Structure formats: C-alpha cells, structure tokens
N, C-alpha and C. Protein backbone atom coordinates (compact mmCIF):
# COMPACT_ATOMS: atom_id res chain seq x y z
N UNK A 1 113.51 87.85 95.05
CA UNK A 1 112.86 87.21 96.25
C UNK A 1 112.34 85.60 96.27
N UNK A 2 112.69 85.06 97.01
CA UNK A 2 112.03 83.64 97.21
C UNK A 2 110.35 83.64 97.15
N UNK A 3 110.22 82.82 96.46
CA UNK A 3 108.43 82.59 96.38
C UNK A 3 107.71 82.15 97.64
N UNK A 4 108.05 82.78 98.57
CA UNK A 4 107.30 82.67 99.88
C UNK A 4 107.11 83.84 100.67
N UNK A 5 106.12 83.69 101.58
CA UNK A 5 106.06 84.96 102.23
C UNK A 5 105.21 85.94 101.85
N UNK A 6 105.07 87.41 102.46
CA UNK A 6 104.48 88.26 101.72
C UNK A 6 105.28 89.66 102.61
N UNK A 7 105.65 90.62 101.63
CA UNK A 7 106.26 92.07 102.63
C UNK A 7 105.27 93.09 102.42
N UNK A 8 105.16 93.63 103.55
CA UNK A 8 104.04 94.71 103.63
C UNK A 8 104.56 95.83 103.83
N UNK A 9 104.65 96.78 103.18
CA UNK A 9 104.78 98.26 103.12
C UNK A 9 103.80 98.99 104.02
N UNK A 10 103.77 99.28 105.15
CA UNK A 10 102.76 100.04 105.83
C UNK A 10 103.20 101.49 105.70
N UNK A 11 102.48 102.46 105.18
CA UNK A 11 102.49 103.97 105.15
C UNK A 11 101.66 104.83 105.68
N UNK A 12 102.04 105.46 106.39
CA UNK A 12 100.63 106.48 107.04
C UNK A 12 100.72 107.57 106.13
N UNK A 13 99.40 107.94 106.02
CA UNK A 13 99.11 109.00 105.16
C UNK A 13 99.95 110.29 105.30
N UNK A 14 99.91 111.46 104.38
CA UNK A 14 100.53 112.51 104.60
C UNK A 14 99.69 113.68 105.67
N UNK A 15 100.48 114.46 105.86
CA UNK A 15 99.66 115.59 106.79
C UNK A 15 98.41 116.20 106.23
N UNK A 16 97.48 116.05 106.97
CA UNK A 16 95.89 116.89 106.72
C UNK A 16 96.09 118.11 107.22
N UNK A 17 95.09 118.90 107.02
CA UNK A 17 94.65 119.96 107.75
C UNK A 17 94.33 119.61 109.27
N UNK A 18 93.24 118.63 109.60
CA UNK A 18 93.14 118.50 110.67
C UNK A 18 94.29 117.84 111.64
N UNK A 19 95.48 117.18 110.99
CA UNK A 19 96.73 116.83 111.67
C UNK A 19 97.16 118.40 111.97
N UNK A 20 97.23 119.35 111.21
CA UNK A 20 98.18 120.50 111.42
C UNK A 20 97.38 121.27 112.49
N UNK A 21 96.19 120.98 112.37
CA UNK A 21 95.26 121.95 113.38
C UNK A 21 95.18 121.29 114.59
N UNK A 22 95.56 119.84 115.09
CA UNK A 22 95.64 119.18 116.15
C UNK A 22 94.16 118.82 116.26
N UNK A 23 93.26 118.43 115.61
CA UNK A 23 92.05 117.88 115.47
C UNK A 23 91.89 116.35 115.58
N UNK A 24 90.90 116.07 116.16
CA UNK A 24 90.72 114.67 116.15
C UNK A 24 90.14 114.24 114.83
N UNK A 25 90.74 113.47 114.22
CA UNK A 25 90.42 112.99 112.75
C UNK A 25 90.34 111.14 112.72
N UNK A 26 89.18 110.72 113.04
CA UNK A 26 89.08 109.27 112.73
C UNK A 26 88.55 109.05 111.26
N UNK A 27 87.06 109.04 111.19
CA UNK A 27 86.77 108.81 109.84
C UNK A 27 86.58 110.18 109.16
N UNK A 28 86.63 111.23 109.78
CA UNK A 28 86.49 112.65 109.06
C UNK A 28 87.52 112.71 107.96
N UNK A 29 87.04 113.37 106.79
CA UNK A 29 87.92 113.40 105.74
C UNK A 29 88.20 114.87 105.48
N UNK A 30 89.62 115.00 105.88
CA UNK A 30 90.05 116.47 105.17
C UNK A 30 91.36 116.39 104.30
N UNK A 31 91.73 117.13 103.28
CA UNK A 31 92.68 116.79 102.42
C UNK A 31 94.25 116.90 103.07
N UNK A 32 95.07 116.69 101.88
CA UNK A 32 96.58 116.69 102.57
C UNK A 32 96.78 118.20 102.60
N UNK A 33 97.69 118.67 103.51
CA UNK A 33 98.47 120.15 103.32
C UNK A 33 99.53 120.00 102.10
N UNK A 34 99.85 121.08 101.74
CA UNK A 34 100.92 121.18 101.00
C UNK A 34 102.01 120.48 101.24
N UNK A 35 102.53 121.10 102.71
CA UNK A 35 103.67 120.16 103.42
C UNK A 35 103.42 118.90 103.39
N UNK A 36 102.06 118.10 103.71
CA UNK A 36 101.81 116.91 103.49
C UNK A 36 102.13 116.36 102.38
N UNK A 37 101.86 116.87 101.09
CA UNK A 37 101.96 116.28 99.78
C UNK A 37 103.27 116.28 99.65
N UNK A 38 103.87 117.38 99.68
CA UNK A 38 105.47 117.39 99.59
C UNK A 38 106.15 116.04 100.16
N UNK A 39 106.07 115.82 101.60
CA UNK A 39 106.75 114.83 102.19
C UNK A 39 106.26 113.46 101.73
N UNK A 40 104.93 113.30 101.12
CA UNK A 40 104.73 112.00 100.73
C UNK A 40 105.09 111.76 99.09
N UNK A 41 105.50 113.08 98.37
CA UNK A 41 106.25 112.90 97.05
C UNK A 41 107.76 112.41 97.55
N UNK A 42 108.39 113.12 98.53
CA UNK A 42 109.77 112.68 99.03
C UNK A 42 109.88 111.38 99.22
N UNK A 43 108.64 110.60 100.01
CA UNK A 43 108.67 109.41 100.28
C UNK A 43 108.38 108.58 99.31
N UNK A 44 107.67 108.89 98.42
CA UNK A 44 107.39 108.01 97.13
C UNK A 44 108.83 107.95 96.35
N UNK A 45 109.85 109.04 96.35
CA UNK A 45 110.97 109.19 95.42
C UNK A 45 111.69 107.96 96.07
N UNK A 46 111.87 108.07 97.67
CA UNK A 46 113.02 107.04 98.37
C UNK A 46 112.44 105.88 98.19
N UNK A 47 111.20 105.65 97.48
CA UNK A 47 110.63 104.09 97.51
C UNK A 47 110.90 103.89 96.11
N UNK A 48 111.66 104.27 95.04
CA UNK A 48 111.30 104.33 93.75
C UNK A 48 112.11 103.04 93.46
N UNK A 49 112.70 102.48 94.32
CA UNK A 49 113.29 100.91 93.80
C UNK A 49 112.68 99.88 94.22
N UNK A 50 111.73 100.23 94.88
CA UNK A 50 110.41 99.25 95.43
C UNK A 50 109.52 99.22 94.33
N UNK A 51 109.28 97.49 93.74
CA UNK A 51 108.42 97.42 92.86
C UNK A 51 107.04 96.60 93.83
N UNK A 52 105.89 97.37 93.52
CA UNK A 52 104.99 96.71 94.28
C UNK A 52 104.14 95.99 93.59
N UNK A 53 103.72 94.73 93.89
CA UNK A 53 102.35 94.04 93.20
C UNK A 53 101.25 94.05 93.50
N UNK A 54 100.84 94.73 94.56
CA UNK A 54 99.43 95.37 94.74
C UNK A 54 99.53 96.31 95.73
N UNK A 55 98.49 97.50 95.76
CA UNK A 55 98.40 98.58 96.54
C UNK A 55 97.14 98.66 97.10
N UNK A 56 96.73 98.77 98.36
CA UNK A 56 95.63 98.72 99.43
C UNK A 56 95.58 100.13 99.96
N UNK A 57 94.23 100.57 100.17
CA UNK A 57 94.22 101.77 100.96
C UNK A 57 93.23 101.72 101.87
N UNK A 58 92.77 102.48 102.85
CA UNK A 58 91.43 102.79 103.43
C UNK A 58 90.55 103.28 102.52
N UNK A 59 89.48 103.44 102.93
CA UNK A 59 88.58 104.15 101.80
C UNK A 59 88.03 105.65 102.28
N UNK A 60 89.28 106.00 103.05
CA UNK A 60 89.25 107.49 103.30
C UNK A 60 90.20 108.33 102.14
N UNK A 61 89.71 109.50 102.18
CA UNK A 61 90.42 110.27 100.80
C UNK A 61 91.75 110.42 101.34
N UNK A 62 92.35 110.69 102.29
CA UNK A 62 93.61 110.95 102.97
C UNK A 62 94.83 110.13 102.21
N UNK A 63 94.14 108.69 102.33
CA UNK A 63 95.22 107.60 102.20
C UNK A 63 95.16 107.28 100.48
N UNK A 64 93.63 107.69 100.05
CA UNK A 64 93.95 107.48 98.51
C UNK A 64 95.07 108.51 97.87
N UNK A 65 94.71 109.44 98.28
CA UNK A 65 95.64 110.91 97.99
C UNK A 65 97.05 110.28 98.29
N UNK A 66 97.48 109.82 99.06
CA UNK A 66 98.67 109.64 99.52
C UNK A 66 99.33 108.35 98.64
N UNK A 67 98.29 107.42 98.58
CA UNK A 67 98.89 106.25 97.61
C UNK A 67 99.33 106.89 95.97
N UNK A 68 98.10 107.82 95.77
CA UNK A 68 98.32 107.93 94.24
C UNK A 68 99.90 108.97 94.33
N UNK A 69 100.16 109.54 94.99
CA UNK A 69 101.26 110.52 94.84
C UNK A 69 102.57 109.59 95.16
N UNK A 70 102.48 108.69 95.82
CA UNK A 70 103.73 107.74 96.16
C UNK A 70 103.81 106.85 94.70
N UNK A 71 102.86 106.30 94.04
CA UNK A 71 102.86 105.81 92.88
C UNK A 71 103.18 106.76 91.85
N UNK A 72 103.02 108.05 91.99
CA UNK A 72 103.40 108.91 90.87
C UNK A 72 104.82 109.05 90.96
N UNK A 73 105.44 109.37 92.14
CA UNK A 73 106.96 109.37 92.46
C UNK A 73 107.61 108.32 92.15
N UNK A 74 107.14 106.76 92.34
CA UNK A 74 107.90 105.65 92.00
C UNK A 74 107.66 104.97 90.74
N UNK A 75 107.03 105.75 89.91
CA UNK A 75 106.76 105.22 88.68
C UNK A 75 106.07 104.28 88.41
N UNK A 76 105.03 103.73 89.18
CA UNK A 76 104.00 102.62 89.05
C UNK A 76 102.46 103.16 88.97
N UNK A 77 102.48 104.50 88.80
CA UNK A 77 100.82 105.11 88.64
C UNK A 77 100.07 104.51 87.89
N UNK A 78 100.93 104.22 86.39
CA UNK A 78 100.04 103.97 85.38
C UNK A 78 99.82 102.28 85.41
N UNK A 79 100.33 101.63 86.33
CA UNK A 79 100.26 100.08 86.22
C UNK A 79 99.56 99.45 87.44
N UNK A 80 99.42 100.18 88.40
CA UNK A 80 98.62 99.89 89.60
C UNK A 80 97.32 100.29 89.78
N UNK A 81 96.36 99.37 90.22
CA UNK A 81 95.19 99.69 90.68
C UNK A 81 95.17 99.87 92.15
N UNK A 82 94.66 100.84 92.71
CA UNK A 82 94.61 100.90 94.15
C UNK A 82 93.12 100.44 94.90
N UNK A 83 93.20 99.47 95.85
CA UNK A 83 92.19 98.74 96.22
C UNK A 83 91.56 99.34 97.60
N UNK A 84 90.49 99.75 97.61
CA UNK A 84 90.14 100.38 98.95
C UNK A 84 89.38 99.53 99.62
N UNK A 85 89.95 99.32 100.96
CA UNK A 85 89.28 98.68 102.00
C UNK A 85 88.87 99.35 103.33
N UNK A 86 87.53 99.50 103.58
CA UNK A 86 87.16 100.28 104.68
C UNK A 86 87.62 99.54 106.07
N UNK A 87 88.19 98.31 105.93
CA UNK A 87 88.44 97.80 107.30
C UNK A 87 89.65 98.16 107.68
N UNK A 88 90.38 99.20 107.06
CA UNK A 88 91.68 99.89 107.42
C UNK A 88 91.72 101.38 107.84
N UNK A 89 90.25 101.54 107.93
CA UNK A 89 90.13 103.14 108.26
C UNK A 89 90.52 103.28 109.68
N UNK A 90 90.80 104.50 110.09
CA UNK A 90 91.32 104.79 111.53
C UNK A 90 90.19 104.61 112.69
N UNK A 91 90.45 104.58 113.56
CA UNK A 91 89.31 104.57 114.95
C UNK A 91 88.45 105.50 114.90
N UNK A 92 87.25 105.58 114.97
CA UNK A 92 86.20 106.25 114.97
C UNK A 92 85.76 106.90 116.10
N UNK A 93 85.88 108.13 116.08
CA UNK A 93 85.75 109.02 117.36
C UNK A 93 84.25 109.20 117.95
N UNK A 94 83.41 109.06 117.12
CA UNK A 94 82.14 109.43 117.37
C UNK A 94 81.93 110.74 117.61
N UNK A 95 81.15 111.38 118.22
CA UNK A 95 81.00 112.65 118.43
C UNK A 95 81.70 113.51 118.69
N UNK A 96 82.85 112.87 118.90
CA UNK A 96 84.28 113.79 119.35
C UNK A 96 85.18 114.08 117.83
N UNK A 97 84.35 113.56 116.97
CA UNK A 97 85.51 113.81 115.85
C UNK A 97 85.19 115.25 115.56
N UNK A 98 86.59 115.98 114.99
CA UNK A 98 86.64 117.12 114.61
C UNK A 98 87.12 118.20 115.98
N UNK A 99 87.20 117.54 117.24
CA UNK A 99 87.21 118.18 118.55
C UNK A 99 88.89 118.41 118.52
N UNK A 100 89.54 119.36 118.81
CA UNK A 100 90.78 119.70 119.41
C UNK A 100 90.98 118.32 120.02
N UNK A 101 92.28 118.00 119.95
CA UNK A 101 92.74 117.02 120.78
C UNK A 101 92.77 117.04 122.23
N UNK A 102 93.36 118.53 122.30
CA UNK A 102 93.32 118.49 123.98
C UNK A 102 92.07 118.58 124.54
N UNK A 103 91.05 119.12 123.90
CA UNK A 103 89.59 119.07 124.50
C UNK A 103 89.18 117.54 124.83
N UNK A 104 89.34 116.75 123.54
CA UNK A 104 88.71 115.52 123.69
C UNK A 104 89.47 114.27 124.71
N UNK A 105 90.84 114.67 125.11
CA UNK A 105 91.63 113.90 125.87
C UNK A 105 91.30 114.65 127.28
N UNK A 106 90.93 115.66 127.56
CA UNK A 106 90.55 116.26 128.61
C UNK A 106 89.41 115.66 128.97
N UNK A 107 88.23 115.32 128.09
CA UNK A 107 87.02 114.63 128.13
C UNK A 107 87.21 113.29 128.94
N UNK A 108 88.35 112.76 128.28
CA UNK A 108 88.49 111.32 128.66
C UNK A 108 89.18 111.10 129.74
N UNK A 109 90.25 111.94 130.02
CA UNK A 109 90.79 112.32 131.21
C UNK A 109 90.04 112.34 132.58
N UNK A 110 89.17 113.37 132.46
CA UNK A 110 88.04 113.40 133.58
C UNK A 110 87.00 112.24 133.57
N UNK A 111 86.93 111.52 132.33
CA UNK A 111 85.83 110.32 132.68
C UNK A 111 86.85 109.13 133.32
N UNK A 112 87.83 108.90 133.18
CA UNK A 112 88.77 107.76 133.60
C UNK A 112 89.26 108.41 134.90
N UNK A 113 89.02 109.79 135.67
CA UNK A 113 89.16 109.90 136.75
C UNK A 113 90.53 110.49 137.43
N UNK A 114 91.33 110.83 136.03
CA UNK A 114 92.94 111.46 136.34
C UNK A 114 92.74 112.81 136.49
N UNK A 115 94.01 113.46 137.22
CA UNK A 115 94.21 114.74 137.42
C UNK A 115 94.72 115.60 136.36
N UNK A 116 95.69 114.74 135.53
CA UNK A 116 96.24 115.73 134.51
C UNK A 116 96.11 114.46 133.13
N UNK A 117 96.35 115.03 132.00
CA UNK A 117 96.01 114.53 130.79
C UNK A 117 97.46 113.16 130.95
N UNK A 118 98.82 113.90 131.22
CA UNK A 118 99.83 113.03 131.35
C UNK A 118 99.68 112.08 132.19
N UNK A 119 99.01 111.96 133.38
CA UNK A 119 98.86 110.94 134.12
C UNK A 119 98.04 109.80 133.32
N UNK A 120 97.10 110.57 132.68
CA UNK A 120 96.19 109.19 132.17
C UNK A 120 97.31 108.42 131.22
N UNK A 121 97.87 109.32 130.38
CA UNK A 121 98.78 108.43 129.27
C UNK A 121 99.50 107.53 130.00
N UNK A 122 100.03 107.78 130.86
CA UNK A 122 101.23 106.96 131.69
C UNK A 122 100.51 105.77 132.13
N UNK A 123 99.29 105.70 132.76
CA UNK A 123 98.57 104.81 133.59
C UNK A 123 97.69 103.95 132.69
N UNK A 124 97.40 104.34 131.52
CA UNK A 124 96.28 103.63 130.94
C UNK A 124 96.92 103.25 129.38
N UNK A 125 96.41 102.07 128.85
CA UNK A 125 96.90 101.57 127.54
C UNK A 125 95.81 102.01 126.45
N UNK A 126 96.32 101.82 125.12
CA UNK A 126 95.49 102.23 124.02
C UNK A 126 93.95 101.47 123.99
N UNK A 127 93.81 100.35 124.58
CA UNK A 127 92.64 99.74 124.79
C UNK A 127 91.38 100.62 125.81
N UNK A 128 92.14 100.69 126.83
CA UNK A 128 91.59 101.48 127.88
C UNK A 128 90.96 103.08 127.57
N UNK A 129 92.12 103.60 126.86
CA UNK A 129 91.51 105.05 126.42
C UNK A 129 90.56 104.82 125.07
N UNK A 130 90.49 103.95 124.45
CA UNK A 130 89.52 103.79 123.30
C UNK A 130 87.91 103.34 123.90
N UNK A 131 88.37 102.51 125.00
CA UNK A 131 86.97 101.95 125.51
C UNK A 131 86.16 103.21 126.18
N UNK A 132 87.22 104.16 126.64
CA UNK A 132 86.66 105.40 127.13
C UNK A 132 86.13 106.16 126.32
N UNK A 133 86.63 106.41 125.10
CA UNK A 133 85.91 107.41 124.23
C UNK A 133 84.68 106.57 123.72
N UNK A 134 84.66 105.48 123.80
CA UNK A 134 83.16 104.85 123.59
C UNK A 134 82.34 105.23 124.39
N UNK A 135 82.51 104.76 125.88
CA UNK A 135 81.63 104.98 127.04
C UNK A 135 81.31 106.33 127.04
N UNK A 136 82.30 107.57 126.87
CA UNK A 136 82.03 108.86 127.13
C UNK A 136 81.30 109.53 125.87
N UNK A 137 81.24 109.15 125.13
CA UNK A 137 80.44 109.43 123.75
C UNK A 137 79.11 109.37 123.79
N UNK A 138 78.60 110.38 124.01
CA UNK A 138 76.82 110.61 124.38
C UNK A 138 76.19 109.63 123.16
N UNK A 139 76.47 109.73 122.31
CA UNK A 139 75.93 108.82 121.14
C UNK A 139 76.34 107.34 121.01
N UNK A 140 77.35 107.04 121.78
CA UNK A 140 78.04 105.68 121.69
C UNK A 140 78.46 105.15 120.47
N UNK A 141 78.82 106.39 119.26
CA UNK A 141 79.28 105.94 118.07
C UNK A 141 80.69 105.52 118.15
N UNK A 142 81.20 106.34 118.98
CA UNK A 142 82.83 106.06 119.08
C UNK A 142 83.30 104.58 119.19
N UNK A 143 84.03 104.02 118.57
CA UNK A 143 84.41 102.68 118.60
C UNK A 143 85.06 102.33 119.72
N UNK A 144 84.67 101.17 120.32
CA UNK A 144 85.96 100.82 121.46
C UNK A 144 87.00 99.82 120.92
N UNK A 145 87.78 99.27 121.77
CA UNK A 145 88.99 98.70 120.99
C UNK A 145 88.56 97.43 120.28
N UNK A 146 87.85 96.67 120.79
CA UNK A 146 87.26 95.68 120.37
C UNK A 146 86.54 95.81 118.87
N UNK A 147 85.80 96.83 119.01
CA UNK A 147 84.90 96.98 117.71
C UNK A 147 86.15 97.35 116.56
N UNK A 148 87.12 98.45 117.15
CA UNK A 148 88.01 98.83 116.23
C UNK A 148 89.01 97.73 115.54
N UNK A 149 89.57 96.91 116.67
CA UNK A 149 90.58 95.83 116.16
C UNK A 149 89.58 94.61 115.68
N UNK A 150 88.59 94.19 115.86
CA UNK A 150 87.58 93.31 114.79
C UNK A 150 87.83 93.58 113.63
N UNK A 151 87.40 94.77 113.07
CA UNK A 151 87.29 95.08 111.81
C UNK A 151 88.59 95.41 110.99
N UNK A 152 89.46 95.73 111.89
CA UNK A 152 91.15 95.62 111.31
C UNK A 152 91.85 94.34 110.99
N UNK A 153 91.31 93.53 111.90
CA UNK A 153 91.97 92.18 111.79
C UNK A 153 91.06 91.69 110.71
N UNK A 154 89.92 91.49 110.47
CA UNK A 154 89.30 90.98 109.43
C UNK A 154 89.86 91.62 107.90
N UNK A 155 90.20 92.79 108.08
CA UNK A 155 90.85 93.51 106.50
C UNK A 155 92.24 92.70 106.65
N UNK A 156 93.03 92.46 107.42
CA UNK A 156 94.47 92.07 107.76
C UNK A 156 94.32 90.51 107.10
N UNK A 157 93.50 89.65 107.74
CA UNK A 157 93.38 88.44 107.27
C UNK A 157 92.84 88.46 105.81
N UNK A 158 92.02 89.02 105.38
CA UNK A 158 91.79 89.02 104.10
C UNK A 158 93.17 89.34 102.87
N UNK A 159 93.70 90.35 103.47
CA UNK A 159 95.11 90.62 102.77
C UNK A 159 95.85 89.58 102.31
N UNK A 160 96.27 88.73 103.87
CA UNK A 160 97.20 87.76 104.42
C UNK A 160 96.60 86.75 103.26
N UNK A 161 95.48 86.16 103.36
CA UNK A 161 94.89 85.19 102.82
C UNK A 161 95.08 85.28 101.14
N UNK A 162 95.15 86.25 100.87
CA UNK A 162 95.13 86.60 99.39
C UNK A 162 96.75 86.57 98.91
N UNK A 163 97.47 87.03 99.86
CA UNK A 163 98.93 87.08 99.37
C UNK A 163 99.81 86.38 100.06
N UNK A 164 99.27 85.33 100.86
CA UNK A 164 100.30 84.58 101.73
C UNK A 164 101.30 83.59 100.67
N UNK A 165 102.36 83.56 100.81
CA UNK A 165 103.36 82.56 100.13
C UNK A 165 103.49 83.09 98.40
N UNK A 166 103.17 84.17 98.43
CA UNK A 166 103.43 84.67 96.84
C UNK A 166 104.62 85.39 96.63
N UNK A 167 105.53 85.66 97.73
CA UNK A 167 106.72 86.23 97.42
C UNK A 167 106.55 87.82 97.14
N UNK A 168 105.15 88.41 97.25
CA UNK A 168 105.03 89.79 96.71
C UNK A 168 105.22 90.78 97.57
N UNK A 169 105.37 92.07 97.22
CA UNK A 169 105.54 93.10 97.79
C UNK A 169 104.29 94.07 97.76
N UNK A 170 103.75 94.54 99.05
CA UNK A 170 102.47 95.02 99.08
C UNK A 170 102.72 96.48 100.01
N UNK A 171 101.90 97.40 99.01
CA UNK A 171 101.75 98.64 99.72
C UNK A 171 100.48 98.91 100.42
N UNK A 172 100.39 99.18 101.73
CA UNK A 172 99.23 99.58 102.33
C UNK A 172 99.43 100.99 103.31
N UNK A 173 98.45 101.82 102.55
CA UNK A 173 98.47 103.22 102.97
C UNK A 173 97.15 103.25 103.75
N UNK A 174 97.51 103.49 105.21
CA UNK A 174 96.38 103.51 106.14
C UNK A 174 96.77 104.66 107.17
N UNK A 175 96.52 104.49 108.65
CA UNK A 175 96.34 105.57 109.32
C UNK A 175 97.49 105.37 110.55
N UNK A 176 97.76 106.35 111.16
CA UNK A 176 98.75 106.18 112.41
C UNK A 176 98.14 105.36 113.64
N UNK A 177 96.95 105.25 113.75
CA UNK A 177 96.64 104.10 115.10
C UNK A 177 96.43 102.76 114.31
N UNK A 178 96.05 102.73 113.13
CA UNK A 178 95.62 101.49 112.56
C UNK A 178 96.72 100.76 112.36
N UNK A 179 97.92 101.52 111.75
CA UNK A 179 99.11 100.75 111.29
C UNK A 179 99.84 100.36 112.67
N UNK A 180 99.95 101.44 113.62
CA UNK A 180 100.46 101.15 114.91
C UNK A 180 99.87 99.83 115.68
N UNK A 181 98.69 99.87 115.77
CA UNK A 181 98.03 98.68 116.75
C UNK A 181 98.44 97.40 115.67
N UNK A 182 98.11 97.67 114.56
CA UNK A 182 98.57 96.08 113.91
C UNK A 182 99.63 95.66 114.21
N UNK A 183 100.71 96.35 114.23
CA UNK A 183 102.16 96.09 114.25
C UNK A 183 102.13 95.68 115.52
N UNK A 184 101.69 96.21 116.81
CA UNK A 184 102.14 96.00 118.27
C UNK A 184 101.06 94.65 118.18
N UNK A 185 99.88 94.37 117.95
CA UNK A 185 99.07 93.23 117.89
C UNK A 185 99.99 91.94 117.35
N UNK A 186 100.68 92.06 116.11
CA UNK A 186 101.13 90.99 115.34
C UNK A 186 102.72 90.99 115.63
N UNK A 187 103.50 91.72 116.34
CA UNK A 187 104.87 91.37 116.04
C UNK A 187 105.08 91.41 117.62
N UNK A 188 105.58 90.53 118.24
CA UNK A 188 105.96 90.23 119.54
C UNK A 188 107.12 90.99 120.18
N UNK A 189 108.06 91.28 119.31
CA UNK A 189 109.40 91.82 119.72
C UNK A 189 109.24 93.24 119.41
N UNK A 190 108.15 93.97 119.15
CA UNK A 190 108.02 95.57 119.08
C UNK A 190 108.35 95.87 120.15
N UNK A 191 109.32 96.86 120.16
CA UNK A 191 109.66 98.00 121.45
C UNK A 191 109.33 98.91 121.06
N UNK A 192 109.43 99.66 119.68
CA UNK A 192 109.42 101.06 119.50
C UNK A 192 108.13 101.18 119.13
N UNK A 193 107.23 101.97 120.04
CA UNK A 193 105.60 102.20 120.01
C UNK A 193 105.63 103.70 119.84
N UNK A 194 106.29 104.46 119.55
CA UNK A 194 105.79 105.96 119.16
C UNK A 194 105.09 106.03 118.13
N UNK A 195 104.40 107.38 118.27
CA UNK A 195 103.37 107.52 117.14
C UNK A 195 103.85 107.82 116.09
N UNK A 196 103.20 107.30 114.80
CA UNK A 196 103.89 107.14 113.40
C UNK A 196 103.98 108.65 112.90
N UNK A 197 104.99 108.87 112.23
CA UNK A 197 105.09 109.88 111.87
C UNK A 197 104.13 110.28 110.35
N UNK A 198 103.63 111.48 109.72
CA UNK A 198 102.96 111.48 108.52
C UNK A 198 103.89 111.04 107.40
N UNK A 199 103.40 109.97 106.48
CA UNK A 199 104.29 109.35 105.43
C UNK A 199 105.65 108.56 105.94
N UNK A 200 105.39 108.09 106.97
CA UNK A 200 106.45 107.36 107.56
C UNK A 200 106.22 105.78 106.89
N UNK A 201 107.32 105.01 106.77
CA UNK A 201 106.98 103.88 106.11
C UNK A 201 107.28 102.70 107.40
N UNK A 202 106.48 101.85 107.45
CA UNK A 202 107.01 100.48 108.42
C UNK A 202 106.79 99.29 107.76
N UNK A 203 107.89 98.16 107.76
CA UNK A 203 108.03 97.14 106.98
C UNK A 203 107.69 95.77 107.80
N UNK A 204 106.79 95.07 107.42
CA UNK A 204 106.86 93.80 107.81
C UNK A 204 106.66 92.68 107.27
N UNK A 205 107.36 91.59 107.54
CA UNK A 205 107.32 90.49 106.72
C UNK A 205 106.64 89.23 107.02
N UNK A 206 105.69 88.70 106.67
CA UNK A 206 104.70 87.77 106.93
C UNK A 206 105.46 86.33 106.14
N UNK A 207 105.69 85.36 107.06
CA UNK A 207 106.36 84.29 106.62
C UNK A 207 106.10 83.10 107.37
N UNK A 208 105.24 82.22 106.97
CA UNK A 208 105.14 80.61 107.77
C UNK A 208 104.54 81.38 109.06
N UNK A 209 103.28 82.17 109.10
CA UNK A 209 102.49 82.25 110.27
C UNK A 209 103.23 83.45 110.95
N UNK A 210 104.34 83.99 110.94
CA UNK A 210 105.00 84.67 111.52
C UNK A 210 105.10 86.27 111.21
N UNK A 211 105.29 87.11 111.89
CA UNK A 211 105.67 88.55 111.47
C UNK A 211 106.81 89.13 111.86
N UNK A 212 107.54 89.31 111.04
CA UNK A 212 108.97 90.10 111.31
C UNK A 212 109.17 91.69 110.94
N UNK A 213 109.38 92.43 111.94
CA UNK A 213 109.32 93.66 111.72
C UNK A 213 110.82 94.27 111.26
N UNK A 214 110.69 94.70 109.97
CA UNK A 214 112.12 95.11 109.27
C UNK A 214 112.26 96.84 109.20
N UNK A 215 111.06 97.44 109.52
CA UNK A 215 111.34 98.87 109.50
C UNK A 215 110.08 99.61 110.39
N UNK A 216 110.39 100.45 111.37
CA UNK A 216 109.35 100.92 111.91
C UNK A 216 109.50 102.44 112.03
N UNK A 217 108.25 103.16 111.53
CA UNK A 217 108.16 104.81 111.59
C UNK A 217 109.40 105.27 110.55
N UNK A 218 110.12 104.98 109.82
CA UNK A 218 111.09 105.43 109.20
C UNK A 218 110.80 106.47 107.88
N UNK A 219 111.58 107.53 107.95
CA UNK A 219 111.78 108.69 107.43
C UNK A 219 113.02 108.74 106.46
N UNK A 220 113.81 107.99 106.83
CA UNK A 220 115.29 108.22 106.35
C UNK A 220 115.37 108.22 104.80
N UNK A 221 114.55 107.57 104.00
CA UNK A 221 114.37 107.38 102.62
C UNK A 221 114.12 108.63 101.82
N UNK A 222 113.25 109.57 102.57
CA UNK A 222 113.16 110.62 101.92
C UNK A 222 113.80 111.23 101.11
N UNK A 223 113.55 111.58 99.84
CA UNK A 223 114.47 112.24 98.96
C UNK A 223 113.75 113.53 98.40
N UNK A 224 114.65 114.39 98.06
CA UNK A 224 114.23 115.98 97.77
C UNK A 224 114.37 115.82 96.29
N UNK A 225 113.57 116.70 95.70
CA UNK A 225 113.54 116.77 94.03
C UNK A 225 114.52 116.95 93.20
N UNK A 226 115.69 117.64 94.17
CA UNK A 226 116.92 117.83 93.53
C UNK A 226 118.23 116.90 93.84
N UNK A 227 117.86 115.84 94.58
CA UNK A 227 118.66 114.88 95.13
C UNK A 227 118.99 113.86 93.97
C-alpha cells in the first residue's frame, strides 16, 4: 500500500443477549451470545488476510470481546494492543436503557404524535428520533443527536489525526448506530443505510481529506471452521 491515507475496518460487535431479546442497548453491558461469538469468529477467520496496524474499540465490554475474538482468529491476538475509546460508545438511551425496543419506540412515537411506529420511521430521521429520546426521557439523560455526534466526531478526529497519511490499516470495533452515523456523515455517496448486522464489516478509506466507502455491512467473508 502506498504510504498515504488510512483504511479503517469498522466492525459492529457480535450479537449480545440484549440484541437477542430485542432490548435497548446503548451504554448497557451485556455479553455476547454463543451465536454472537461464533459469528465473530467466522468474521475473524475471513479477515485472516488483513494485517491491522492498530485496534480500537469503545470502552463497552461487547466491543472488546468482539475485537479479542477477531484478533484470535486472524492471528494477531498476541501482537496487538486494543485501545479503548469511550467516544465510540453507542448512543445512550437514558432511562429507557433495557426497555424492549417496541415499548421504547412506542413512547417516542407518541411523543412525536404519530399513529404508528412505521409512520414515525418513514417521516422522521435519526436526528429527530434521537432528539425525541432526550426530550421524552424524564431524567434527560438520553443523548440527543448533537450530544452523541459531538463525542463520536471527537473520537474520529483523534483517530484520523494520529493515523492520517500513514498508509496503515485500522480495526475499529464499535456499535451499529455509531458506525452507521459515522459513515452517513462522512461519505457523501453512501446510499445504503440499512441497519448494520452484528459482526458485519464496513471499510472506509480516508485520503487527502475525503472518505471513500469500499464495503458496507459486509458478511460475505465469513468463514466456517471447516472451510
């Protein structure tokens, strides 16, 4: 690789118990399910040909567990240090952490004045719904969009400042919302904005001030143990 730019592999953590149960999981810590661990291992085996120069995670346990399993499978566990950055946490849902998603979004739907949750999703964007979580939280602990994005952007600027023009390949294990909103905000031609699958890989290259998307929500590289 030419000695310029930086390539970032964004990996969403594996399935957790709150994911499995359909519960709101922002800053809450729940461990990976066995299915989640196996998908992460399959992802790691599929990344065996990728050499990472640095590894970052959020400071939540599910991203650290995911990164460890990936590094074990791609053969870099003994040579890489994982750096935890709280800036890359998922959005915080405040007093609605742990609620079933259907209940939480029903509350937000009612707050925004829509008849159905489907209608709300069609007519609002991420920022509006995040702002509504903050407004509808009696404790006002839930993050609004600017609170969330300001901290995530700070983390991204730190990462780019450290690695820009290095030609390095970085692994960043974070969260579905965090990765999705990073890519939506940084890549103008991103048209695929589906929710990210657990353990999926999205690859972006930063070069001369611009981000170029190489993969989004990819699981095609997953490899079974007997392959």
